[in-house]
Amino acid sequence: MAIKKIAVLTAGGDAPGMNAAIRSVVRYATSHKLEVMGALRGWWGLINEEIKPLDRRSVSNIINSGGTILKTARCPEFHTEEGQRRASVTLKKYSIDGLVVIGGNGTFEAAHIFSNKYKVPCVGIAASIDNDVNGIDDTIGADTAINTALYAIDNIRDTATSMERIFVVEVMGRESGYIALQVALAGGCEEVIIPELKSNLEDVCHEIVEGNLRGKISWIVVVAEGAGKAVDIAKKITEITSLETRAVIVGHIQRGGRPTAFSRNLALRFGQAAVDCLLKGEFYKAVGLAGGKIVAVDFATAIKKKEIKTESLYNLIKVLT
């Protein structure tokens, strides 16, 4: 079928660079004489007919902005038969021929079910700070989130050294230790606690005490939020070691802020690739970077659990401590 009009939406957690992806989709699509609509708040916008036309001017001056001008929200209603039916009705009402969804594996799982059920030409753009889309090496926003957390850890290192303290720094990652591993390695941190690997806090405390006896005056433990709470871990370390330990939660600042050049450029290239897929009739795929090249991975593959080589990175962190 010929694609003449498309809609774009952002769903799930926001990631720095989503706006750059929206800009790329809109401007590249309009350069190919396609009409573009934007659905507000992800799937919710399709269900409730909250959509608006997008043109070149409407995406001006957003390339350097975090967040998403289309907003994003969790939408449990879309997982129901009625929610999906209403979304399909909206697409037909506005004569929308294709759909570009920007998000992570949860977004792609919803798109996979919906697009198959209603035969909607759909392409995804991989955007996730956890970099957890299977078959894809790099997603929009992951580099920015890592650098934001790393900046915080570098600053904490200054205080940790000056005050001779232990710090437990909590970064984002409910099910993935990707951010924690990357910042722990790049930040020269002494320990990292992630959901994928079982950690023994008593062993960590033993290493801290041994290091203290050798004259080591500061220590930084990075923990992914899904592996434990920084406040609880810091309290336990103090109880076991009798050494002053402070907790820092980096939090949602990792999701926002100006995207790095890498995140922006990925977004711009992914936007072009997604529109090209629709024009070529290559549907039901997620666009991302793998092996240094832009690839389009089937939704069925993209939504599988991604295996991250956690042990090799963890062991390198320990060796370099």
C-alpha atoms as a PDB file:
ATOM      1  CA  MET A   1       0.000   0.000   0.000  1.00  0.00           C
ATOM      2  CA  ALA A   2       1.124   3.563  -0.661  1.00  0.00           C
ATOM      3  CA  ILE A   3       1.935   5.562   2.463  1.00  0.00           C
ATOM      4  CA  LYS A   4       0.627   9.124   2.281  1.00  0.00           C
ATOM      5  CA  LYS A   5      -0.023  10.095   5.876  1.00  0.00           C
ATOM      6  CA  ILE A   6       1.713   8.945   9.052  1.00  0.00           C
ATOM      7  CA  ALA A   7       1.448   9.507  12.785  1.00  0.00           C
ATOM      8  CA  VAL A   8       4.301   9.645  15.284  1.00  0.00           C
ATOM      9  CA  LEU A   9       4.136   9.116  19.045  1.00  0.00           C
ATOM     10  CA  THR A  10       6.435   8.722  22.036  1.00  0.00           C
ATOM     11  CA  ALA A  11       5.534   6.131  24.672  1.00  0.00           C
ATOM     12  CA  GLY A  12       6.905   4.734  27.923  1.00  0.00           C
ATOM     13  CA  GLY A  13       9.720   6.463  29.782  1.00  0.00           C
ATOM     14  CA  ASP A  14      11.173   9.537  28.112  1.00  0.00           C
ATOM     15  CA  ALA A  15      14.753   9.529  26.866  1.00  0.00           C
ATOM     16  CA  PRO A  16      16.977  12.488  25.899  1.00  0.00           C
ATOM     17  CA  GLY A  17      16.924  12.758  22.111  1.00  0.00           C
ATOM     18  CA  MET A  18      13.260  11.890  21.566  1.00  0.00           C
ATOM     19  CA  ASN A  19      12.609  15.434  20.355  1.00  0.00           C
ATOM     20  CA  ALA A  20      15.429  15.151  17.843  1.00  0.00           C
ATOM     21  CA  ALA A  21      13.825  11.920  16.584  1.00  0.00           C
ATOM     22  CA  ILE A  22      10.427  13.617  16.235  1.00  0.00           C
ATOM     23  CA  ARG A  23      12.077  16.461  14.311  1.00  0.00           C
ATOM     24  CA  SER A  24      13.796  14.026  11.985  1.00  0.00           C
ATOM     25  CA  VAL A  25      10.641  12.011  11.309  1.00  0.00           C
ATOM     26  CA  VAL A  26       8.587  15.126  10.567  1.00  0.00           C
ATOM     27  CA  ARG A  27      11.085  16.899   8.342  1.00  0.00           C
ATOM     28  CA  TYR A  28      12.251  13.819   6.461  1.00  0.00           C
ATOM     29  CA  ALA A  29       8.666  12.630   5.935  1.00  0.00           C
ATOM     30  CA  THR A  30       7.453  16.017   4.695  1.00  0.00           C
ATOM     31  CA  SER A  31      10.409  16.179   2.302  1.00  0.00           C
ATOM     32  CA  HIS A  32       8.902  13.027   0.764  1.00  0.00           C
ATOM     33  CA  LYS A  33       5.452  14.664   0.490  1.00  0.00           C
ATOM     34  CA  LEU A  34       3.982  12.778   3.444  1.00  0.00           C
ATOM     35  CA  GLU A  35       1.557  14.341   5.898  1.00  0.00           C
ATOM     36  CA  VAL A  36       2.496  13.889   9.560  1.00  0.00           C
ATOM     37  CA  MET A  37       0.304  13.826  12.666  1.00  0.00           C
ATOM     38  CA  GLY A  38       1.507  13.706  16.261  1.00  0.00           C
ATOM     39  CA  ALA A  39      -0.330  11.643  18.891  1.00  0.00           C
ATOM     40  CA  LEU A  40      -0.114  13.210  22.358  1.00  0.00           C
ATOM     41  CA  ARG A  41       0.865  11.166  25.416  1.00  0.00           C
ATOM     42  CA  GLY A  42       1.662   8.043  23.428  1.00  0.00           C
ATOM     43  CA  TRP A  43      -1.029   5.418  22.943  1.00  0.00           C
ATOM     44  CA  TRP A  44      -3.388   7.513  25.060  1.00  0.00           C
ATOM     45  CA  GLY A  45      -3.516  10.082  22.271  1.00  0.00           C
ATOM     46  CA  LEU A  46      -4.649   7.517  19.732  1.00  0.00           C
ATOM     47  CA  ILE A  47      -7.324   6.150  22.044  1.00  0.00           C
ATOM     48  CA  ASN A  48      -8.715   9.592  22.876  1.00  0.00           C
ATOM     49  CA  GLU A  49      -8.163  11.315  19.502  1.00  0.00           C
ATOM     50  CA  GLU A  50      -5.590  13.698  20.984  1.00  0.00           C
ATOM     51  CA  ILE A  51      -3.619  14.225  17.797  1.00  0.00           C
ATOM     52  CA  LYS A  52      -2.407  17.251  15.895  1.00  0.00           C
ATOM     53  CA  PRO A  53      -0.763  17.978  12.542  1.00  0.00           C
ATOM     54  CA  LEU A  54       2.999  18.469  12.510  1.00  0.00           C
ATOM     55  CA  ASP A  55       5.019  20.418   9.958  1.00  0.00           C
ATOM     56  CA  ARG A  56       8.565  21.702   9.633  1.00  0.00           C
ATOM     57  CA  ARG A  57       7.872  24.791  11.708  1.00  0.00           C
ATOM     58  CA  SER A  58       6.197  22.875  14.546  1.00  0.00           C
ATOM     59  CA  VAL A  59       9.457  21.005  15.241  1.00  0.00           C
ATOM     60  CA  SER A  60      11.761  24.029  15.100  1.00  0.00           C
ATOM     61  CA  ASN A  61      14.220  24.556  17.953  1.00  0.00           C
ATOM     62  CA  ILE A  62      13.629  21.208  19.672  1.00  0.00           C
ATOM     63  CA  ILE A  63      16.755  19.328  18.582  1.00  0.00           C
ATOM     64  CA  ASN A  64      18.611  20.304  21.766  1.00  0.00           C
ATOM     65  CA  SER A  65      15.705  19.819  24.171  1.00  0.00           C
ATOM     66  CA  GLY A  66      15.196  16.869  26.494  1.00  0.00           C
ATOM     67  CA  GLY A  67      11.831  15.252  27.072  1.00  0.00           C
ATOM     68  CA  THR A  68       9.288  15.062  24.269  1.00  0.00           C
ATOM     69  CA  ILE A  69       7.028  17.766  22.839  1.00  0.00           C
ATOM     70  CA  LEU A  70       4.421  15.057  22.210  1.00  0.00           C
ATOM     71  CA  LYS A  71       4.465  14.095  25.906  1.00  0.00           C
ATOM     72  CA  THR A  72       4.482  10.497  27.070  1.00  0.00           C
ATOM     73  CA  ALA A  73       2.492   8.434  29.527  1.00  0.00           C
ATOM     74  CA  ARG A  74       1.897   4.878  30.641  1.00  0.00           C
ATOM     75  CA  CYS A  75      -1.367   3.657  29.140  1.00  0.00           C
ATOM     76  CA  PRO A  76      -2.800   0.461  30.681  1.00  0.00           C
ATOM     77  CA  GLU A  77      -5.963   1.035  28.637  1.00  0.00           C
ATOM     78  CA  PHE A  78      -4.060   0.275  25.440  1.00  0.00           C
ATOM     79  CA  HIS A  79      -3.547  -3.285  26.651  1.00  0.00           C
ATOM     80  CA  THR A  80      -7.298  -3.872  26.493  1.00  0.00           C
ATOM     81  CA  GLU A  81      -9.345  -4.900  23.458  1.00  0.00           C
ATOM     82  CA  GLU A  82     -11.454  -1.745  23.726  1.00  0.00           C
ATOM     83  CA  GLY A  83      -8.415   0.538  23.944  1.00  0.00           C
ATOM     84  CA  GLN A  84      -6.823  -0.976  20.858  1.00  0.00           C
ATOM     85  CA  ARG A  85     -10.101  -0.837  18.959  1.00  0.00           C
ATOM     86  CA  ARG A  86     -10.489   2.870  19.698  1.00  0.00           C
ATOM     87  CA  ALA A  87      -6.905   3.533  18.606  1.00  0.00           C
ATOM     88  CA  SER A  88      -7.603   1.736  15.332  1.00  0.00           C
ATOM     89  CA  VAL A  89     -10.751   3.808  14.796  1.00  0.00           C
ATOM     90  CA  THR A  90      -8.737   7.005  15.293  1.00  0.00           C
ATOM     91  CA  LEU A  91      -6.191   5.963  12.662  1.00  0.00           C
ATOM     92  CA  LYS A  92      -8.966   5.245  10.169  1.00  0.00           C
ATOM     93  CA  LYS A  93     -10.847   8.452  10.987  1.00  0.00           C
ATOM     94  CA  TYR A  94      -7.794  10.581  10.219  1.00  0.00           C
ATOM     95  CA  SER A  95      -6.741   8.465   7.205  1.00  0.00           C
ATOM     96  CA  ILE A  96      -3.397   7.590   8.785  1.00  0.00           C
ATOM     97  CA  ASP A  97      -1.559   4.958   6.721  1.00  0.00           C
ATOM     98  CA  GLY A  98       1.478   4.325   8.912  1.00  0.00           C
ATOM     99  CA  LEU A  99       2.738   4.716  12.438  1.00  0.00           C
ATOM    100  CA  VAL A 100       6.145   5.592  13.907  1.00  0.00           C
ATOM    101  CA  VAL A 101       6.490   4.748  17.613  1.00  0.00           C
ATOM    102  CA  ILE A 102       9.433   6.038  19.623  1.00  0.00           C
ATOM    103  CA  GLY A 103      10.265   4.130  22.807  1.00  0.00           C
ATOM    104  CA  GLY A 104      11.740   0.974  24.282  1.00  0.00           C
ATOM    105  CA  ASN A 105      10.865  -2.703  24.386  1.00  0.00           C
ATOM    106  CA  GLY A 106       7.589  -2.146  26.246  1.00  0.00           C
ATOM    107  CA  THR A 107       6.468   0.270  23.552  1.00  0.00           C
ATOM    108  CA  PHE A 108       7.497  -2.174  20.846  1.00  0.00           C
ATOM    109  CA  GLU A 109       5.640  -5.038  22.499  1.00  0.00           C
ATOM    110  CA  ALA A 110       2.443  -2.968  22.427  1.00  0.00           C
ATOM    111  CA  ALA A 111       3.124  -1.957  18.823  1.00  0.00           C
ATOM    112  CA  HIS A 112       3.797  -5.572  17.848  1.00  0.00           C
ATOM    113  CA  ILE A 113       0.429  -6.739  19.190  1.00  0.00           C
ATOM    114  CA  PHE A 114      -1.543  -3.779  17.854  1.00  0.00           C
ATOM    115  CA  SER A 115       0.000  -3.596  14.395  1.00  0.00           C
ATOM    116  CA  ASN A 116      -0.439  -7.330  13.813  1.00  0.00           C
ATOM    117  CA  LYS A 117      -4.027  -7.366  15.015  1.00  0.00           C
ATOM    118  CA  TYR A 118      -5.165  -4.383  12.952  1.00  0.00           C
ATOM    119  CA  LYS A 119      -2.627  -4.650  10.102  1.00  0.00           C
ATOM    120  CA  VAL A 120      -1.274  -1.165  10.752  1.00  0.00           C
ATOM    121  CA  PRO A 121       2.063  -0.458   9.018  1.00  0.00           C
ATOM    122  CA  CYS A 122       4.268   0.363  11.973  1.00  0.00           C
ATOM    123  CA  VAL A 123       7.975   1.059  12.580  1.00  0.00           C
ATOM    124  CA  GLY A 124       9.670   1.699  15.921  1.00  0.00           C
ATOM    125  CA  ILE A 125      12.559   3.958  16.866  1.00  0.00           C
ATOM    126  CA  ALA A 126      14.662   2.616  19.740  1.00  0.00           C
ATOM    127  CA  ALA A 127      14.789   5.174  22.565  1.00  0.00           C
ATOM    128  CA  SER A 128      15.649   3.937  26.053  1.00  0.00           C
ATOM    129  CA  ILE A 129      18.084   5.151  28.701  1.00  0.00           C
ATOM    130  CA  ASP A 130      18.549   1.517  29.782  1.00  0.00           C
ATOM    131  CA  ASN A 131      19.663   0.507  26.269  1.00  0.00           C
ATOM    132  CA  ASP A 132      17.589  -2.651  26.682  1.00  0.00           C
ATOM    133  CA  VAL A 133      16.188  -3.284  23.198  1.00  0.00           C
ATOM    134  CA  ASN A 134      17.225  -6.725  22.005  1.00  0.00           C
ATOM    135  CA  GLY A 135      19.207  -6.894  18.767  1.00  0.00           C
ATOM    136  CA  ILE A 136      20.263  -3.251  19.066  1.00  0.00           C
ATOM    137  CA  ASP A 137      23.576  -2.021  20.477  1.00  0.00           C
ATOM    138  CA  ASP A 138      22.708   1.626  21.058  1.00  0.00           C
ATOM    139  CA  THR A 139      19.409   3.383  21.713  1.00  0.00           C
ATOM    140  CA  ILE A 140      18.525   7.065  21.825  1.00  0.00           C
ATOM    141  CA  GLY A 141      19.150   8.582  25.252  1.00  0.00           C
ATOM    142  CA  ALA A 142      21.402   5.957  26.823  1.00  0.00           C
ATOM    143  CA  ASP A 143      24.608   7.917  26.201  1.00  0.00           C
ATOM    144  CA  THR A 144      23.083  11.091  27.646  1.00  0.00           C
ATOM    145  CA  ALA A 145      21.780   9.324  30.762  1.00  0.00           C
ATOM    146  CA  ILE A 146      25.179   7.731  31.385  1.00  0.00           C
ATOM    147  CA  ASN A 147      27.004  11.044  31.036  1.00  0.00           C
ATOM    148  CA  THR A 148      24.516  12.777  33.332  1.00  0.00           C
ATOM    149  CA  ALA A 149      25.033  10.143  36.025  1.00  0.00           C
ATOM    150  CA  LEU A 150      28.799  10.199  35.459  1.00  0.00           C
ATOM    151  CA  TYR A 151      28.901  13.973  35.947  1.00  0.00           C
ATOM    152  CA  ALA A 152      27.166  13.513  39.305  1.00  0.00           C
ATOM    153  CA  ILE A 153      29.562  10.755  40.347  1.00  0.00           C
ATOM    154  CA  ASP A 154      32.612  12.820  39.390  1.00  0.00           C
ATOM    155  CA  ASN A 155      31.346  15.595  41.650  1.00  0.00           C
ATOM    156  CA  ILE A 156      30.601  13.145  44.452  1.00  0.00           C
ATOM    157  CA  ARG A 157      34.123  11.767  44.122  1.00  0.00           C
ATOM    158  CA  ASP A 158      35.515  15.219  44.990  1.00  0.00           C
ATOM    159  CA  THR A 159      33.474  15.332  48.188  1.00  0.00           C
ATOM    160  CA  ALA A 160      34.140  11.693  49.044  1.00  0.00           C
ATOM    161  CA  THR A 161      37.877  12.312  48.867  1.00  0.00           C
ATOM    162  CA  SER A 162      37.752  15.610  50.750  1.00  0.00           C
ATOM    163  CA  MET A 163      35.501  14.318  53.539  1.00  0.00           C
ATOM    164  CA  GLU A 164      37.011  10.803  53.603  1.00  0.00           C
ATOM    165  CA  ARG A 165      33.632   9.145  53.292  1.00  0.00           C
ATOM    166  CA  ILE A 166      31.876   6.251  51.646  1.00  0.00           C
ATOM    167  CA  PHE A 167      29.092   7.133  49.211  1.00  0.00           C
ATOM    168  CA  VAL A 168      26.376   4.868  47.846  1.00  0.00           C
ATOM    169  CA  VAL A 169      25.058   6.341  44.597  1.00  0.00           C
ATOM    170  CA  GLU A 170      21.751   5.095  43.230  1.00  0.00           C
ATOM    171  CA  VAL A 171      21.194   5.370  39.475  1.00  0.00           C
ATOM    172  CA  MET A 172      18.229   4.365  37.324  1.00  0.00           C
ATOM    173  CA  GLY A 173      17.665   0.794  36.183  1.00  0.00           C
ATOM    174  CA  ARG A 174      14.762  -1.215  37.601  1.00  0.00           C
ATOM    175  CA  GLU A 175      15.591  -4.391  35.698  1.00  0.00           C
ATOM    176  CA  SER A 176      18.860  -3.456  34.023  1.00  0.00           C
ATOM    177  CA  GLY A 177      22.284  -2.665  35.436  1.00  0.00           C
ATOM    178  CA  TYR A 178      23.468  -1.082  32.186  1.00  0.00           C
ATOM    179  CA  ILE A 179      23.729   2.506  33.438  1.00  0.00           C
ATOM    180  CA  ALA A 180      25.238   1.423  36.742  1.00  0.00           C
ATOM    181  CA  LEU A 181      27.935  -0.660  35.058  1.00  0.00           C
ATOM    182  CA  GLN A 182      28.848   2.040  32.565  1.00  0.00           C
ATOM    183  CA  VAL A 183      29.157   4.842  35.127  1.00  0.00           C
ATOM    184  CA  ALA A 184      30.941   2.650  37.671  1.00  0.00           C
ATOM    185  CA  LEU A 185      33.557   1.753  35.077  1.00  0.00           C
ATOM    186  CA  ALA A 186      33.969   5.257  33.660  1.00  0.00           C
ATOM    187  CA  GLY A 187      33.868   6.845  37.117  1.00  0.00           C
ATOM    188  CA  GLY A 188      36.532   4.596  38.617  1.00  0.00           C
ATOM    189  CA  CYS A 189      34.077   3.423  41.270  1.00  0.00           C
ATOM    190  CA  GLU A 190      35.012   0.677  43.668  1.00  0.00           C
ATOM    191  CA  GLU A 191      31.821  -1.375  43.659  1.00  0.00           C
ATOM    192  CA  VAL A 192      28.643  -1.784  41.622  1.00  0.00           C
ATOM    193  CA  ILE A 193      25.430  -3.560  42.597  1.00  0.00           C
ATOM    194  CA  ILE A 194      23.069  -4.567  39.788  1.00  0.00           C
ATOM    195  CA  PRO A 195      19.938  -6.719  39.398  1.00  0.00           C
ATOM    196  CA  GLU A 196      21.636  -9.211  37.068  1.00  0.00           C
ATOM    197  CA  LEU A 197      24.332 -10.288  39.527  1.00  0.00           C
ATOM    198  CA  LYS A 198      23.930 -11.413  43.120  1.00  0.00           C
ATOM    199  CA  SER A 199      25.917  -9.240  45.508  1.00  0.00           C
ATOM    200  CA  ASN A 200      27.009 -10.023  49.053  1.00  0.00           C
ATOM    201  CA  LEU A 201      26.985  -6.791  51.043  1.00  0.00           C
ATOM    202  CA  GLU A 202      29.092  -8.336  53.800  1.00  0.00           C
ATOM    203  CA  ASP A 203      31.820  -9.067  51.248  1.00  0.00           C
ATOM    204  CA  VAL A 204      31.628  -5.477  50.045  1.00  0.00           C
ATOM    205  CA  CYS A 205      31.959  -4.249  53.620  1.00  0.00           C
ATOM    206  CA  HIS A 206      34.944  -6.529  54.198  1.00  0.00           C
ATOM    207  CA  GLU A 207      36.662  -5.006  51.154  1.00  0.00           C
ATOM    208  CA  ILE A 208      35.886  -1.516  52.447  1.00  0.00           C
ATOM    209  CA  VAL A 209      37.393  -2.263  55.866  1.00  0.00           C
ATOM    210  CA  GLU A 210      40.465  -3.872  54.281  1.00  0.00           C
ATOM    211  CA  GLY A 211      40.895  -0.839  52.050  1.00  0.00           C
ATOM    212  CA  ASN A 212      40.498   1.514  54.990  1.00  0.00           C
ATOM    213  CA  LEU A 213      43.232  -0.310  56.892  1.00  0.00           C
ATOM    214  CA  ARG A 214      45.523   0.135  53.881  1.00  0.00           C
ATOM    215  CA  GLY A 215      44.863   3.871  53.956  1.00  0.00           C
ATOM    216  CA  LYS A 216      42.098   4.143  51.373  1.00  0.00           C
ATOM    217  CA  ILE A 217      40.067   7.137  52.491  1.00  0.00           C
ATOM    218  CA  SER A 218      37.063   7.123  50.167  1.00  0.00           C
ATOM    219  CA  TRP A 219      34.815   4.629  48.433  1.00  0.00           C
ATOM    220  CA  ILE A 220      31.964   4.886  45.915  1.00  0.00           C
ATOM    221  CA  VAL A 221      29.384   2.136  45.523  1.00  0.00           C
ATOM    222  CA  VAL A 222      27.049   2.465  42.535  1.00  0.00           C
ATOM    223  CA  VAL A 223      23.708   0.693  42.790  1.00  0.00           C
ATOM    224  CA  ALA A 224      21.012   0.258  40.143  1.00  0.00           C
ATOM    225  CA  GLU A 225      17.624   1.109  41.648  1.00  0.00           C
ATOM    226  CA  GLY A 226      16.296  -2.374  40.923  1.00  0.00           C
ATOM    227  CA  ALA A 227      19.046  -3.985  43.003  1.00  0.00           C
ATOM    228  CA  GLY A 228      18.447  -2.045  46.207  1.00  0.00           C
ATOM    229  CA  LYS A 229      17.903   1.343  47.781  1.00  0.00           C
ATOM    230  CA  ALA A 230      20.917   3.549  48.378  1.00  0.00           C
ATOM    231  CA  VAL A 231      19.641   4.692  51.778  1.00  0.00           C
ATOM    232  CA  ASP A 232      19.220   1.122  53.033  1.00  0.00           C
ATOM    233  CA  ILE A 233      22.580  -0.014  51.681  1.00  0.00           C
ATOM    234  CA  ALA A 234      24.397   3.007  53.147  1.00  0.00           C
ATOM    235  CA  LYS A 235      22.829   2.355  56.549  1.00  0.00           C
ATOM    236  CA  LYS A 236      23.881  -1.280  56.437  1.00  0.00           C
ATOM    237  CA  ILE A 237      27.453  -0.422  55.441  1.00  0.00           C
ATOM    238  CA  THR A 238      27.719   1.993  58.369  1.00  0.00           C
ATOM    239  CA  GLU A 239      26.358  -0.659  60.751  1.00  0.00           C
ATOM    240  CA  ILE A 240      28.861  -3.292  59.581  1.00  0.00           C
ATOM    241  CA  THR A 241      31.966  -1.130  59.101  1.00  0.00           C
ATOM    242  CA  SER A 242      31.352   1.711  61.579  1.00  0.00           C
ATOM    243  CA  LEU A 243      32.502   4.023  58.781  1.00  0.00           C
ATOM    244  CA  GLU A 244      30.431   7.068  57.850  1.00  0.00           C
ATOM    245  CA  THR A 245      28.431   6.339  54.706  1.00  0.00           C
ATOM    246  CA  ARG A 246      26.151   8.681  52.773  1.00  0.00           C
ATOM    247  CA  ALA A 247      23.486   7.913  50.168  1.00  0.00           C
ATOM    248  CA  VAL A 248      22.890   9.892  46.986  1.00  0.00           C
ATOM    249  CA  ILE A 249      20.005   9.267  44.589  1.00  0.00           C
ATOM    250  CA  VAL A 250      20.714  10.662  41.125  1.00  0.00           C
ATOM    251  CA  GLY A 251      17.092  10.076  40.103  1.00  0.00           C
ATOM    252  CA  HIS A 252      15.146  11.452  37.184  1.00  0.00           C
ATOM    253  CA  ILE A 253      17.721  14.029  36.115  1.00  0.00           C
ATOM    254  CA  GLN A 254      19.118  11.129  34.074  1.00  0.00           C
ATOM    255  CA  ARG A 255      16.013  11.202  31.882  1.00  0.00           C
ATOM    256  CA  GLY A 256      16.092  14.921  31.127  1.00  0.00           C
ATOM    257  CA  GLY A 257      18.521  17.574  30.021  1.00  0.00           C
ATOM    258  CA  ARG A 258      20.205  18.360  26.741  1.00  0.00           C
ATOM    259  CA  PRO A 259      20.960  15.208  24.739  1.00  0.00           C
ATOM    260  CA  THR A 260      24.597  14.569  23.874  1.00  0.00           C
ATOM    261  CA  ALA A 261      25.778  14.814  20.285  1.00  0.00           C
ATOM    262  CA  PHE A 262      25.754  11.009  20.101  1.00  0.00           C
ATOM    263  CA  SER A 263      22.135  10.757  21.280  1.00  0.00           C
ATOM    264  CA  ARG A 264      21.049  13.535  18.897  1.00  0.00           C
ATOM    265  CA  ASN A 265      22.772  12.064  15.884  1.00  0.00           C
ATOM    266  CA  LEU A 266      21.348   8.614  16.564  1.00  0.00           C
ATOM    267  CA  ALA A 267      17.875  10.165  16.807  1.00  0.00           C
ATOM    268  CA  LEU A 268      18.231  12.023  13.527  1.00  0.00           C
ATOM    269  CA  ARG A 269      19.501   8.955  11.684  1.00  0.00           C
ATOM    270  CA  PHE A 270      16.858   6.683  13.230  1.00  0.00           C
ATOM    271  CA  GLY A 271      14.103   9.096  12.203  1.00  0.00           C
ATOM    272  CA  GLN A 272      15.207   8.975   8.598  1.00  0.00           C
ATOM    273  CA  ALA A 273      15.526   5.180   8.675  1.00  0.00           C
ATOM    274  CA  ALA A 274      12.056   4.735  10.177  1.00  0.00           C
ATOM    275  CA  VAL A 275      10.393   6.795   7.446  1.00  0.00           C
ATOM    276  CA  ASP A 276      12.404   4.953   4.790  1.00  0.00           C
ATOM    277  CA  CYS A 277      11.134   1.642   6.192  1.00  0.00           C
ATOM    278  CA  LEU A 278       7.533   2.805   5.835  1.00  0.00           C
ATOM    279  CA  LEU A 279       8.136   4.036   2.303  1.00  0.00           C
ATOM    280  CA  LYS A 280       9.792   0.747   1.328  1.00  0.00           C
ATOM    281  CA  GLY A 281       7.082  -1.384   2.874  1.00  0.00           C
ATOM    282  CA  GLU A 282       9.358  -2.746   5.618  1.00  0.00           C
ATOM    283  CA  PHE A 283       6.911  -2.803   8.521  1.00  0.00           C
ATOM    284  CA  TYR A 284       6.786  -4.224  12.064  1.00  0.00           C
ATOM    285  CA  LYS A 285      10.435  -3.437  12.768  1.00  0.00           C
ATOM    286  CA  ALA A 286      12.435  -1.422  15.313  1.00  0.00           C
ATOM    287  CA  VAL A 287      15.197   0.847  14.049  1.00  0.00           C
ATOM    288  CA  GLY A 288      18.455   1.072  16.006  1.00  0.00           C
ATOM    289  CA  LEU A 289      22.239   0.858  15.830  1.00  0.00           C
ATOM    290  CA  ALA A 290      24.041  -2.490  15.731  1.00  0.00           C
ATOM    291  CA  GLY A 291      27.599  -3.157  14.671  1.00  0.00           C
ATOM    292  CA  GLY A 292      28.008   0.532  13.893  1.00  0.00           C
ATOM    293  CA  LYS A 293      25.223   0.453  11.297  1.00  0.00           C
ATOM    294  CA  ILE A 294      21.554   1.392  11.248  1.00  0.00           C
ATOM    295  CA  VAL A 295      19.497  -1.796  11.392  1.00  0.00           C
ATOM    296  CA  ALA A 296      15.804  -2.673  11.416  1.00  0.00           C
ATOM    297  CA  VAL A 297      15.028  -5.535  13.817  1.00  0.00           C
ATOM    298  CA  ASP A 298      11.702  -7.388  13.747  1.00  0.00           C
ATOM    299  CA  PHE A 299       9.458  -6.461  16.675  1.00  0.00           C
ATOM    300  CA  ALA A 300       9.316 -10.140  17.620  1.00  0.00           C
ATOM    301  CA  THR A 301      13.099 -10.066  18.150  1.00  0.00           C
ATOM    302  CA  ALA A 302      13.316  -6.595  19.667  1.00  0.00           C
ATOM    303  CA  ILE A 303      10.923  -7.401  22.521  1.00  0.00           C
ATOM    304  CA  LYS A 304      12.901 -10.410  23.757  1.00  0.00           C
ATOM    305  CA  LYS A 305      15.005  -9.953  26.887  1.00  0.00           C
ATOM    306  CA  LYS A 306      18.375  -8.466  25.989  1.00  0.00           C
ATOM    307  CA  GLU A 307      21.438 -10.188  27.353  1.00  0.00           C
ATOM    308  CA  ILE A 308      24.089  -7.758  28.579  1.00  0.00           C
ATOM    309  CA  LYS A 309      27.618  -8.993  29.246  1.00  0.00           C
ATOM    310  CA  THR A 310      27.500  -7.955  32.879  1.00  0.00           C
ATOM    311  CA  GLU A 311      30.132 -10.262  34.329  1.00  0.00           C
ATOM    312  CA  SER A 312      32.978  -9.115  32.086  1.00  0.00           C
ATOM    313  CA  LEU A 313      32.304  -5.443  32.866  1.00  0.00           C
ATOM    314  CA  TYR A 314      31.856  -6.172  36.571  1.00  0.00           C
ATOM    315  CA  ASN A 315      35.145  -8.088  36.700  1.00  0.00           C
ATOM    316  CA  LEU A 316      36.956  -5.256  34.916  1.00  0.00           C
ATOM    317  CA  ILE A 317      35.605  -2.756  37.445  1.00  0.00           C
ATOM    318  CA  LYS A 318      36.953  -4.928  40.278  1.00  0.00           C
ATOM    319  CA  VAL A 319      40.336  -5.368  38.626  1.00  0.00           C
ATOM    320  CA  LEU A 320      40.756  -1.637  38.087  1.00  0.00           C
ATOM    321  CA  THR A 321      39.706  -0.681  41.634  1.00  0.00           C
END
